[in-house]
């Protein structure tokens, strides 16, 4: 096997492991997912996980890095205000991989959680994307842009969480339309 082919095979294995870990972390959480689970889902030897990632924490970091990269490189329109930003957020919420965010959130808020820092990276990437899509806005006196993003992003996470738990009771389109209307009354695009 040539060095080029070995490199391609290693890259494929790594991608399969990251995809499998992403699915499993979303389905059953970080703590309950084992190397054997990931290897079985990926169809790859369990020994290749430490070879690629060192340990389970390294695997989680690779999953988060891939999620952040995916969010950062996601195509979308130029920022044109709150409605465009929330439409973009709605598209992200609908992605199957977004379930990972909710599952990790539940573990990240626990005291002493080993994944808190990893989740914070993911959270920052999502919040930055929302902020970049909103563009420049006028806010009421006493409200900073950071305050506004905190409230809007918190609402996006809350809507996602409710929809994940009870999709039959939460209409995503209506919930995001209500959020858009509420946020639009607070901030007026330049």
N, C-alpha and C. Protein backbone atom coordinates (compact mmCIF):
# COMPACT_ATOMS: atom_id res chain seq x y z
N UNK A 1 0.85 -1.17 0.00
CA UNK A 1 0.00 0.00 0.00
C UNK A 1 0.89 1.24 0.00
N UNK A 2 0.60 2.18 -0.86
CA UNK A 2 1.41 3.39 -0.96
C UNK A 2 1.10 4.32 0.20
N UNK A 3 2.01 5.26 0.43
CA UNK A 3 1.81 6.24 1.50
C UNK A 3 0.56 7.07 1.24
N UNK A 4 0.28 7.39 0.00
CA UNK A 4 -0.90 8.17 -0.35
C UNK A 4 -2.16 7.39 -0.03
N UNK A 5 -2.17 6.11 -0.36
CA UNK A 5 -3.35 5.26 -0.08
C UNK A 5 -3.53 5.07 1.42
N UNK A 6 -2.42 4.88 2.16
CA UNK A 6 -2.51 4.74 3.62
C UNK A 6 -3.08 6.02 4.24
N UNK A 7 -2.64 7.15 3.74
CA UNK A 7 -3.13 8.44 4.24
C UNK A 7 -4.62 8.58 3.96
N UNK A 8 -5.06 8.20 2.78
CA UNK A 8 -6.48 8.27 2.43
C UNK A 8 -7.30 7.32 3.30
N UNK A 9 -6.79 6.13 3.54
CA UNK A 9 -7.48 5.16 4.38
C UNK A 9 -7.58 5.67 5.82
N UNK A 10 -6.50 6.24 6.33
CA UNK A 10 -6.51 6.80 7.68
C UNK A 10 -7.52 7.94 7.78
N UNK A 11 -7.57 8.79 6.76
CA UNK A 11 -8.52 9.91 6.75
C UNK A 11 -9.96 9.39 6.72
N UNK A 12 -10.22 8.37 5.89
CA UNK A 12 -11.55 7.76 5.82
C UNK A 12 -11.95 7.17 7.17
N UNK A 13 -11.02 6.44 7.79
CA UNK A 13 -11.29 5.84 9.10
C UNK A 13 -11.62 6.91 10.13
N UNK A 14 -10.84 7.96 10.13
CA UNK A 14 -11.06 9.06 11.08
C UNK A 14 -12.45 9.67 10.86
N UNK A 15 -12.82 9.92 9.61
CA UNK A 15 -14.13 10.50 9.30
C UNK A 15 -15.27 9.57 9.72
N UNK A 16 -15.11 8.27 9.49
CA UNK A 16 -16.14 7.31 9.90
C UNK A 16 -16.30 7.29 11.42
N UNK A 17 -15.16 7.34 12.12
CA UNK A 17 -15.21 7.35 13.58
C UNK A 17 -15.87 8.62 14.12
N UNK A 18 -15.55 9.76 13.53
CA UNK A 18 -16.16 11.02 13.97
C UNK A 18 -17.66 11.00 13.71
N UNK A 19 -18.06 10.54 12.54
CA UNK A 19 -19.49 10.46 12.21
C UNK A 19 -20.21 9.53 13.19
N UNK A 20 -19.63 8.36 13.45
CA UNK A 20 -20.25 7.40 14.38
C UNK A 20 -20.33 7.99 15.79
N UNK A 21 -19.25 8.63 16.24
CA UNK A 21 -19.24 9.22 17.58
C UNK A 21 -20.27 10.35 17.68
N UNK A 22 -20.39 11.15 16.64
CA UNK A 22 -21.38 12.23 16.64
C UNK A 22 -22.78 11.66 16.82
N UNK A 23 -23.10 10.64 16.06
CA UNK A 23 -24.42 10.00 16.16
C UNK A 23 -24.65 9.42 17.54
N UNK A 24 -23.66 8.69 18.05
CA UNK A 24 -23.81 8.03 19.34
C UNK A 24 -23.85 9.01 20.50
N UNK A 25 -23.01 10.05 20.47
CA UNK A 25 -23.06 11.06 21.53
C UNK A 25 -24.43 11.72 21.53
N UNK A 26 -25.02 11.96 20.35
CA UNK A 26 -26.35 12.55 20.26
C UNK A 26 -27.42 11.60 20.78
N UNK A 27 -27.28 10.33 20.49
CA UNK A 27 -28.29 9.35 20.87
C UNK A 27 -28.25 8.97 22.34
N UNK A 28 -27.03 8.78 22.88
CA UNK A 28 -26.95 8.24 24.24
C UNK A 28 -26.07 9.04 25.18
N UNK A 29 -25.51 10.14 24.70
CA UNK A 29 -24.68 10.99 25.56
C UNK A 29 -23.22 10.57 25.49
N UNK A 30 -22.37 11.48 25.95
CA UNK A 30 -20.93 11.26 25.92
C UNK A 30 -20.52 10.16 26.90
N UNK A 31 -20.99 10.28 28.13
CA UNK A 31 -20.56 9.33 29.17
C UNK A 31 -20.97 7.90 28.90
N UNK A 32 -22.14 7.70 28.32
CA UNK A 32 -22.62 6.33 28.10
C UNK A 32 -22.09 5.70 26.82
N UNK A 33 -21.42 6.47 25.99
CA UNK A 33 -20.88 5.94 24.74
C UNK A 33 -19.48 5.38 24.99
N UNK A 34 -19.26 4.15 24.54
CA UNK A 34 -17.96 3.50 24.72
C UNK A 34 -17.21 3.44 23.39
N UNK A 35 -15.91 3.16 23.49
CA UNK A 35 -15.12 2.93 22.28
C UNK A 35 -15.72 1.79 21.46
N UNK A 36 -16.18 0.75 22.14
CA UNK A 36 -16.76 -0.40 21.43
C UNK A 36 -18.01 0.02 20.65
N UNK A 37 -18.83 0.91 21.25
CA UNK A 37 -20.01 1.42 20.54
C UNK A 37 -19.61 2.15 19.26
N UNK A 38 -18.62 3.04 19.40
CA UNK A 38 -18.18 3.86 18.26
C UNK A 38 -17.58 2.97 17.17
N UNK A 39 -16.71 2.06 17.58
CA UNK A 39 -16.06 1.17 16.61
C UNK A 39 -17.10 0.31 15.89
N UNK A 40 -18.08 -0.21 16.65
CA UNK A 40 -19.13 -1.03 16.04
C UNK A 40 -19.95 -0.25 15.04
N UNK A 41 -20.31 0.97 15.38
CA UNK A 41 -21.11 1.80 14.47
C UNK A 41 -20.31 2.16 13.22
N UNK A 42 -19.03 2.44 13.41
CA UNK A 42 -18.18 2.85 12.28
C UNK A 42 -17.72 1.65 11.45
N UNK A 43 -17.77 0.43 12.04
CA UNK A 43 -17.29 -0.75 11.33
C UNK A 43 -15.77 -0.78 11.26
N UNK A 44 -15.13 -0.23 12.29
CA UNK A 44 -13.67 -0.11 12.32
C UNK A 44 -13.17 -0.67 13.66
N UNK A 45 -11.96 -1.16 13.67
CA UNK A 45 -11.37 -1.72 14.88
C UNK A 45 -11.36 -0.71 16.03
N UNK A 46 -11.69 -1.18 17.21
CA UNK A 46 -11.70 -0.34 18.40
C UNK A 46 -10.33 0.27 18.69
N UNK A 47 -9.26 -0.44 18.33
CA UNK A 47 -7.91 0.06 18.57
C UNK A 47 -7.54 1.27 17.73
N UNK A 48 -8.30 1.52 16.68
CA UNK A 48 -7.98 2.68 15.84
C UNK A 48 -8.44 3.99 16.49
N UNK A 49 -9.33 3.92 17.46
CA UNK A 49 -9.80 5.15 18.11
C UNK A 49 -8.66 5.82 18.89
N UNK A 50 -7.96 5.10 19.77
CA UNK A 50 -6.83 5.76 20.45
C UNK A 50 -5.72 6.17 19.48
N UNK A 51 -5.56 5.41 18.41
CA UNK A 51 -4.53 5.74 17.42
C UNK A 51 -4.83 7.11 16.79
N UNK A 52 -6.10 7.35 16.47
CA UNK A 52 -6.49 8.62 15.84
C UNK A 52 -6.65 9.76 16.84
N UNK A 53 -7.20 9.46 18.01
CA UNK A 53 -7.65 10.53 18.92
C UNK A 53 -7.00 10.52 20.30
N UNK A 54 -6.24 9.50 20.62
CA UNK A 54 -5.60 9.42 21.93
C UNK A 54 -6.49 8.81 22.98
N UNK A 55 -7.64 9.44 23.23
CA UNK A 55 -8.57 8.96 24.25
C UNK A 55 -9.97 9.47 23.93
N UNK A 56 -10.89 9.20 24.80
CA UNK A 56 -12.28 9.58 24.55
C UNK A 56 -12.43 11.10 24.50
N UNK A 57 -11.68 11.80 25.32
CA UNK A 57 -11.71 13.26 25.30
C UNK A 57 -11.23 13.79 23.95
N UNK A 58 -10.20 13.17 23.39
CA UNK A 58 -9.71 13.55 22.07
C UNK A 58 -10.75 13.29 20.99
N UNK A 59 -11.48 12.20 21.13
CA UNK A 59 -12.56 11.89 20.19
C UNK A 59 -13.66 12.95 20.29
N UNK A 60 -14.04 13.33 21.51
CA UNK A 60 -15.04 14.38 21.68
C UNK A 60 -14.55 15.69 21.07
N UNK A 61 -13.27 16.01 21.27
CA UNK A 61 -12.73 17.24 20.70
C UNK A 61 -12.83 17.21 19.17
N UNK A 62 -12.56 16.06 18.57
CA UNK A 62 -12.66 15.93 17.11
C UNK A 62 -14.12 16.10 16.67
N UNK A 63 -15.05 15.57 17.42
CA UNK A 63 -16.47 15.73 17.10
C UNK A 63 -16.86 17.20 17.17
N UNK A 64 -16.45 17.88 18.23
CA UNK A 64 -16.75 19.31 18.39
C UNK A 64 -16.08 20.12 17.29
N UNK A 65 -14.81 19.83 17.01
CA UNK A 65 -14.10 20.55 15.94
C UNK A 65 -14.83 20.42 14.61
N UNK A 66 -15.31 19.21 14.32
CA UNK A 66 -16.04 18.99 13.06
C UNK A 66 -17.35 19.76 13.06
N UNK A 67 -18.05 19.77 14.20
CA UNK A 67 -19.31 20.52 14.28
C UNK A 67 -19.06 22.02 14.10
N UNK A 68 -18.02 22.54 14.75
CA UNK A 68 -17.68 23.96 14.63
C UNK A 68 -17.30 24.28 13.18
N UNK A 69 -16.49 23.42 12.56
CA UNK A 69 -16.09 23.63 11.17
C UNK A 69 -17.32 23.63 10.26
N UNK A 70 -18.22 22.72 10.49
CA UNK A 70 -19.43 22.62 9.68
C UNK A 70 -20.29 23.88 9.81
N UNK A 71 -20.40 24.39 11.02
CA UNK A 71 -21.18 25.61 11.24
C UNK A 71 -20.48 26.81 10.59
N UNK A 72 -19.18 26.91 10.78
CA UNK A 72 -18.43 28.06 10.26
C UNK A 72 -18.39 28.10 8.74
N UNK A 73 -18.39 26.96 8.10
CA UNK A 73 -18.27 26.93 6.63
C UNK A 73 -19.62 26.76 5.94
N UNK A 74 -20.68 26.72 6.71
CA UNK A 74 -22.02 26.55 6.15
C UNK A 74 -22.35 27.73 5.25
N UNK A 75 -22.81 27.41 4.06
CA UNK A 75 -23.19 28.45 3.10
C UNK A 75 -24.45 29.16 3.60
N UNK A 76 -24.58 30.40 3.23
CA UNK A 76 -25.77 31.15 3.60
C UNK A 76 -25.71 32.54 3.03
N UNK A 77 -26.83 33.21 3.07
CA UNK A 77 -26.86 34.57 2.53
C UNK A 77 -26.07 35.52 3.41
N UNK A 78 -25.72 36.64 2.85
CA UNK A 78 -25.06 37.68 3.63
C UNK A 78 -26.02 38.12 4.73
N UNK A 79 -25.49 38.61 5.84
CA UNK A 79 -26.38 39.04 6.92
C UNK A 79 -27.32 40.16 6.44
N UNK A 80 -28.59 39.98 6.69
CA UNK A 80 -29.55 40.99 6.31
C UNK A 80 -30.53 41.26 7.44
N UNK A 81 -30.20 40.88 8.63
CA UNK A 81 -31.06 41.20 9.76
C UNK A 81 -31.50 39.99 10.56
N UNK A 82 -32.38 40.28 11.47
CA UNK A 82 -32.83 39.26 12.42
C UNK A 82 -33.56 38.13 11.73
N UNK A 83 -34.46 38.44 10.80
CA UNK A 83 -35.22 37.38 10.14
C UNK A 83 -34.31 36.42 9.39
N UNK A 84 -33.31 36.96 8.69
CA UNK A 84 -32.37 36.09 7.96
C UNK A 84 -31.56 35.25 8.94
N UNK A 85 -31.14 35.86 10.04
CA UNK A 85 -30.36 35.13 11.04
C UNK A 85 -31.18 34.00 11.65
N UNK A 86 -32.44 34.27 11.95
CA UNK A 86 -33.28 33.24 12.55
C UNK A 86 -33.67 32.16 11.54
N UNK A 87 -33.80 32.52 10.28
CA UNK A 87 -34.03 31.51 9.24
C UNK A 87 -32.84 30.56 9.16
N UNK A 88 -31.65 31.14 9.23
CA UNK A 88 -30.42 30.34 9.23
C UNK A 88 -30.38 29.43 10.46
N UNK A 89 -30.73 29.99 11.63
CA UNK A 89 -30.75 29.19 12.85
C UNK A 89 -31.77 28.05 12.75
N UNK A 90 -32.91 28.32 12.16
CA UNK A 90 -33.93 27.29 11.98
C UNK A 90 -33.41 26.15 11.10
N UNK A 91 -32.70 26.49 10.03
CA UNK A 91 -32.10 25.46 9.18
C UNK A 91 -31.11 24.61 9.97
N UNK A 92 -30.31 25.23 10.81
CA UNK A 92 -29.34 24.50 11.63
C UNK A 92 -30.05 23.60 12.62
N UNK A 93 -31.12 24.10 13.25
CA UNK A 93 -31.88 23.29 14.21
C UNK A 93 -32.44 22.04 13.54
N UNK A 94 -32.83 22.14 12.29
CA UNK A 94 -33.42 21.00 11.57
C UNK A 94 -32.40 19.95 11.15
N UNK A 95 -31.11 20.26 11.20
CA UNK A 95 -30.10 19.28 10.82
C UNK A 95 -30.08 18.14 11.82
N UNK A 96 -29.98 16.89 11.35
CA UNK A 96 -29.94 15.76 12.28
C UNK A 96 -28.80 15.87 13.30
N UNK A 97 -27.68 16.43 12.90
CA UNK A 97 -26.54 16.52 13.81
C UNK A 97 -26.77 17.50 14.96
N UNK A 98 -27.78 18.35 14.85
CA UNK A 98 -28.04 19.34 15.90
C UNK A 98 -28.51 18.67 17.18
N UNK A 99 -29.04 17.48 17.08
CA UNK A 99 -29.45 16.75 18.28
C UNK A 99 -28.26 16.60 19.24
N UNK A 100 -27.07 16.55 18.68
CA UNK A 100 -25.86 16.46 19.49
C UNK A 100 -25.77 17.63 20.47
N UNK A 101 -26.13 18.84 20.02
CA UNK A 101 -26.01 20.01 20.88
C UNK A 101 -26.86 19.88 22.13
N UNK A 102 -28.07 19.38 21.97
CA UNK A 102 -28.98 19.24 23.11
C UNK A 102 -28.49 18.15 24.07
N UNK A 103 -28.06 17.04 23.52
CA UNK A 103 -27.56 15.96 24.36
C UNK A 103 -26.35 16.41 25.16
N UNK A 104 -25.42 17.08 24.50
CA UNK A 104 -24.22 17.55 25.19
C UNK A 104 -24.55 18.63 26.20
N UNK A 105 -25.53 19.47 25.91
CA UNK A 105 -25.92 20.52 26.85
C UNK A 105 -26.33 19.92 28.18
N UNK A 106 -27.10 18.84 28.13
CA UNK A 106 -27.55 18.20 29.36
C UNK A 106 -26.37 17.73 30.21
N UNK A 107 -25.31 17.25 29.59
CA UNK A 107 -24.14 16.80 30.33
C UNK A 107 -23.21 17.96 30.70
N UNK A 108 -23.16 18.99 29.87
CA UNK A 108 -22.21 20.09 30.08
C UNK A 108 -22.57 20.95 31.29
N UNK A 109 -23.84 21.02 31.65
CA UNK A 109 -24.23 21.88 32.77
C UNK A 109 -24.02 21.24 34.13
N UNK A 110 -23.72 19.95 34.17
CA UNK A 110 -23.48 19.28 35.44
C UNK A 110 -22.18 19.76 36.06
N UNK A 111 -22.17 19.95 37.38
CA UNK A 111 -20.93 20.40 38.04
C UNK A 111 -19.77 19.43 37.76
N UNK A 112 -18.62 19.98 37.44
CA UNK A 112 -17.43 19.17 37.18
C UNK A 112 -17.47 18.39 35.88
N UNK A 113 -18.38 18.73 34.99
CA UNK A 113 -18.52 17.99 33.74
C UNK A 113 -17.23 18.06 32.92
N UNK A 114 -16.76 16.90 32.44
CA UNK A 114 -15.55 16.91 31.61
C UNK A 114 -15.79 17.47 30.22
N UNK A 115 -17.03 17.68 29.85
CA UNK A 115 -17.29 18.17 28.49
C UNK A 115 -17.67 19.65 28.46
N UNK A 116 -17.70 20.31 29.60
CA UNK A 116 -18.12 21.72 29.66
C UNK A 116 -17.33 22.59 28.69
N UNK A 117 -16.03 22.48 28.68
CA UNK A 117 -15.19 23.30 27.81
C UNK A 117 -15.44 23.00 26.34
N UNK A 118 -15.65 21.74 26.02
CA UNK A 118 -15.95 21.36 24.64
C UNK A 118 -17.28 21.96 24.19
N UNK A 119 -18.26 21.89 25.06
CA UNK A 119 -19.56 22.44 24.72
C UNK A 119 -19.48 23.96 24.56
N UNK A 120 -18.67 24.59 25.39
CA UNK A 120 -18.51 26.04 25.30
C UNK A 120 -17.98 26.44 23.92
N UNK A 121 -17.08 25.64 23.35
CA UNK A 121 -16.57 25.91 21.99
C UNK A 121 -17.70 25.86 20.97
N UNK A 122 -18.50 24.83 21.06
CA UNK A 122 -19.62 24.65 20.14
C UNK A 122 -20.62 25.79 20.30
N UNK A 123 -20.92 26.12 21.53
CA UNK A 123 -21.83 27.21 21.85
C UNK A 123 -21.33 28.52 21.25
N UNK A 124 -20.05 28.80 21.40
CA UNK A 124 -19.47 30.04 20.86
C UNK A 124 -19.58 30.09 19.34
N UNK A 125 -19.34 28.97 18.68
CA UNK A 125 -19.43 28.93 17.22
C UNK A 125 -20.85 29.22 16.75
N UNK A 126 -21.83 28.64 17.41
CA UNK A 126 -23.23 28.86 17.04
C UNK A 126 -23.64 30.31 17.30
N UNK A 127 -23.23 30.82 18.42
CA UNK A 127 -23.57 32.21 18.78
C UNK A 127 -22.89 33.19 17.82
N UNK A 128 -21.62 32.94 17.48
CA UNK A 128 -20.92 33.81 16.53
C UNK A 128 -21.62 33.80 15.18
N UNK A 129 -22.06 32.63 14.76
CA UNK A 129 -22.76 32.55 13.47
C UNK A 129 -24.05 33.36 13.52
N UNK A 130 -24.80 33.24 14.59
CA UNK A 130 -26.03 34.00 14.73
C UNK A 130 -25.72 35.50 14.68
N UNK A 131 -24.71 35.91 15.41
CA UNK A 131 -24.33 37.32 15.43
C UNK A 131 -23.88 37.83 14.08
N UNK A 132 -23.14 37.01 13.34
CA UNK A 132 -22.68 37.45 12.01
C UNK A 132 -23.83 37.55 11.03
N UNK A 133 -24.86 36.74 11.21
CA UNK A 133 -26.01 36.77 10.31
C UNK A 133 -26.94 37.94 10.63
N UNK A 134 -26.98 38.37 11.87
CA UNK A 134 -27.86 39.48 12.24
C UNK A 134 -27.35 40.78 11.63
N UNK A 135 -26.05 40.97 11.60
CA UNK A 135 -25.52 42.22 11.07
C UNK A 135 -25.64 43.33 12.10
N UNK A 136 -25.61 44.56 11.63
CA UNK A 136 -25.71 45.71 12.53
C UNK A 136 -27.17 46.01 12.83
N UNK A 137 -27.47 46.29 14.09
CA UNK A 137 -28.83 46.58 14.51
C UNK A 137 -28.83 47.71 15.53
N UNK A 138 -29.95 48.43 15.60
CA UNK A 138 -30.16 49.44 16.64
C UNK A 138 -30.90 48.76 17.77
N UNK A 139 -30.43 48.99 18.98
CA UNK A 139 -31.05 48.38 20.16
C UNK A 139 -31.55 49.45 21.11
N UNK A 140 -32.50 49.09 21.96
CA UNK A 140 -32.98 50.07 22.94
C UNK A 140 -31.85 50.52 23.87
N UNK A 141 -31.98 51.68 24.42
CA UNK A 141 -30.99 52.20 25.37
C UNK A 141 -30.81 51.20 26.51
N UNK A 142 -29.57 50.98 26.87
CA UNK A 142 -29.26 50.08 27.97
C UNK A 142 -29.07 48.62 27.57
N UNK A 143 -29.34 48.28 26.32
CA UNK A 143 -29.17 46.90 25.85
C UNK A 143 -27.97 46.86 24.91
N UNK A 144 -27.03 45.98 25.22
CA UNK A 144 -25.87 45.81 24.35
C UNK A 144 -26.15 44.73 23.32
N UNK A 145 -25.35 44.71 22.30
CA UNK A 145 -25.45 43.65 21.27
C UNK A 145 -25.27 42.28 21.93
N UNK A 146 -24.33 42.19 22.86
CA UNK A 146 -24.08 40.92 23.55
C UNK A 146 -25.31 40.49 24.35
N UNK A 147 -25.98 41.45 25.02
CA UNK A 147 -27.21 41.14 25.75
C UNK A 147 -28.26 40.56 24.79
N UNK A 148 -28.41 41.23 23.65
CA UNK A 148 -29.41 40.81 22.67
C UNK A 148 -29.11 39.41 22.14
N UNK A 149 -27.84 39.16 21.80
CA UNK A 149 -27.46 37.83 21.30
C UNK A 149 -27.68 36.75 22.36
N UNK A 150 -27.41 37.07 23.62
CA UNK A 150 -27.63 36.11 24.70
C UNK A 150 -29.10 35.70 24.76
N UNK A 151 -29.98 36.67 24.70
CA UNK A 151 -31.42 36.38 24.78
C UNK A 151 -31.89 35.61 23.55
N UNK A 152 -31.52 36.07 22.36
CA UNK A 152 -31.98 35.40 21.14
C UNK A 152 -31.40 33.99 21.04
N UNK A 153 -30.10 33.84 21.33
CA UNK A 153 -29.50 32.51 21.25
C UNK A 153 -30.10 31.57 22.30
N UNK A 154 -30.37 32.10 23.49
CA UNK A 154 -31.03 31.30 24.52
C UNK A 154 -32.39 30.81 24.06
N UNK A 155 -33.12 31.68 23.37
CA UNK A 155 -34.43 31.27 22.84
C UNK A 155 -34.29 30.19 21.77
N UNK A 156 -33.28 30.34 20.90
CA UNK A 156 -33.05 29.32 19.85
C UNK A 156 -32.75 27.96 20.51
N UNK A 157 -31.88 27.95 21.52
CA UNK A 157 -31.56 26.70 22.21
C UNK A 157 -32.82 26.13 22.88
N UNK A 158 -33.59 27.00 23.52
CA UNK A 158 -34.81 26.54 24.19
C UNK A 158 -35.83 25.95 23.23
N UNK A 159 -36.01 26.61 22.08
CA UNK A 159 -36.94 26.08 21.08
C UNK A 159 -36.43 24.72 20.57
N UNK A 160 -35.15 24.64 20.31
CA UNK A 160 -34.56 23.37 19.85
C UNK A 160 -34.77 22.28 20.88
N UNK A 161 -34.53 22.60 22.15
CA UNK A 161 -34.69 21.61 23.20
C UNK A 161 -36.13 21.14 23.30
N UNK A 162 -37.08 22.07 23.28
CA UNK A 162 -38.49 21.68 23.36
C UNK A 162 -38.91 20.82 22.17
N UNK A 163 -38.44 21.19 20.99
CA UNK A 163 -38.77 20.43 19.79
C UNK A 163 -38.15 19.04 19.83
N UNK A 164 -36.94 18.94 20.37
CA UNK A 164 -36.27 17.64 20.48
C UNK A 164 -37.02 16.72 21.43
N UNK A 165 -37.55 17.28 22.51
CA UNK A 165 -38.25 16.48 23.51
C UNK A 165 -39.68 16.14 23.08
N UNK A 166 -40.36 17.10 22.47
CA UNK A 166 -41.77 16.88 22.11
C UNK A 166 -42.08 17.47 20.72
N UNK A 167 -41.55 16.84 19.66
CA UNK A 167 -41.75 17.40 18.32
C UNK A 167 -43.21 17.49 17.90
N UNK A 168 -44.05 16.67 18.47
CA UNK A 168 -45.47 16.72 18.12
C UNK A 168 -46.17 17.94 18.73
N UNK A 169 -45.54 18.57 19.70
CA UNK A 169 -46.15 19.73 20.37
C UNK A 169 -45.53 21.06 19.97
N UNK A 170 -44.38 21.01 19.30
CA UNK A 170 -43.68 22.25 18.94
C UNK A 170 -43.59 22.35 17.42
N UNK A 171 -44.20 23.38 16.89
CA UNK A 171 -44.13 23.67 15.46
C UNK A 171 -42.94 24.62 15.29
N UNK A 172 -41.84 24.11 14.73
CA UNK A 172 -40.63 24.92 14.60
C UNK A 172 -40.86 26.20 13.82
N UNK A 173 -41.58 26.11 12.72
CA UNK A 173 -41.80 27.30 11.91
C UNK A 173 -42.55 28.39 12.70
N UNK A 174 -43.58 27.99 13.42
CA UNK A 174 -44.34 28.96 14.21
C UNK A 174 -43.51 29.50 15.36
N UNK A 175 -42.75 28.64 16.01
CA UNK A 175 -41.92 29.10 17.13
C UNK A 175 -40.87 30.10 16.66
N UNK A 176 -40.22 29.81 15.53
CA UNK A 176 -39.21 30.74 15.02
C UNK A 176 -39.85 32.02 14.48
N UNK A 177 -41.06 31.92 13.93
CA UNK A 177 -41.76 33.13 13.48
C UNK A 177 -42.08 34.02 14.68
N UNK A 178 -42.52 33.41 15.78
CA UNK A 178 -42.81 34.18 16.99
C UNK A 178 -41.53 34.82 17.55
N UNK A 179 -40.44 34.07 17.54
CA UNK A 179 -39.17 34.63 18.01
C UNK A 179 -38.73 35.78 17.11
N UNK A 180 -38.86 35.59 15.82
CA UNK A 180 -38.48 36.63 14.86
C UNK A 180 -39.29 37.90 15.09
N UNK A 181 -40.58 37.74 15.30
CA UNK A 181 -41.44 38.88 15.55
C UNK A 181 -41.04 39.58 16.85
N UNK A 182 -40.82 38.80 17.90
CA UNK A 182 -40.43 39.37 19.19
C UNK A 182 -39.09 40.08 19.11
N UNK A 183 -38.11 39.42 18.52
CA UNK A 183 -36.77 40.01 18.42
C UNK A 183 -36.78 41.22 17.50
N UNK A 184 -37.58 41.17 16.44
CA UNK A 184 -37.67 42.29 15.51
C UNK A 184 -38.27 43.53 16.14
N UNK A 185 -39.11 43.37 17.14
CA UNK A 185 -39.68 44.51 17.84
C UNK A 185 -38.68 45.14 18.80
N UNK A 186 -37.70 44.33 19.21
CA UNK A 186 -36.67 44.83 20.11
C UNK A 186 -35.59 45.59 19.35
N UNK A 187 -35.21 45.04 18.21
CA UNK A 187 -34.11 45.62 17.42
C UNK A 187 -34.60 45.96 16.03
N UNK A 188 -34.14 47.08 15.55
CA UNK A 188 -34.51 47.53 14.21
C UNK A 188 -33.28 47.51 13.34
N UNK A 189 -33.29 46.74 12.20
CA UNK A 189 -32.10 46.72 11.34
C UNK A 189 -31.76 48.12 10.83
N UNK A 190 -30.46 48.37 10.69
CA UNK A 190 -30.02 49.67 10.14
C UNK A 190 -30.46 49.80 8.71
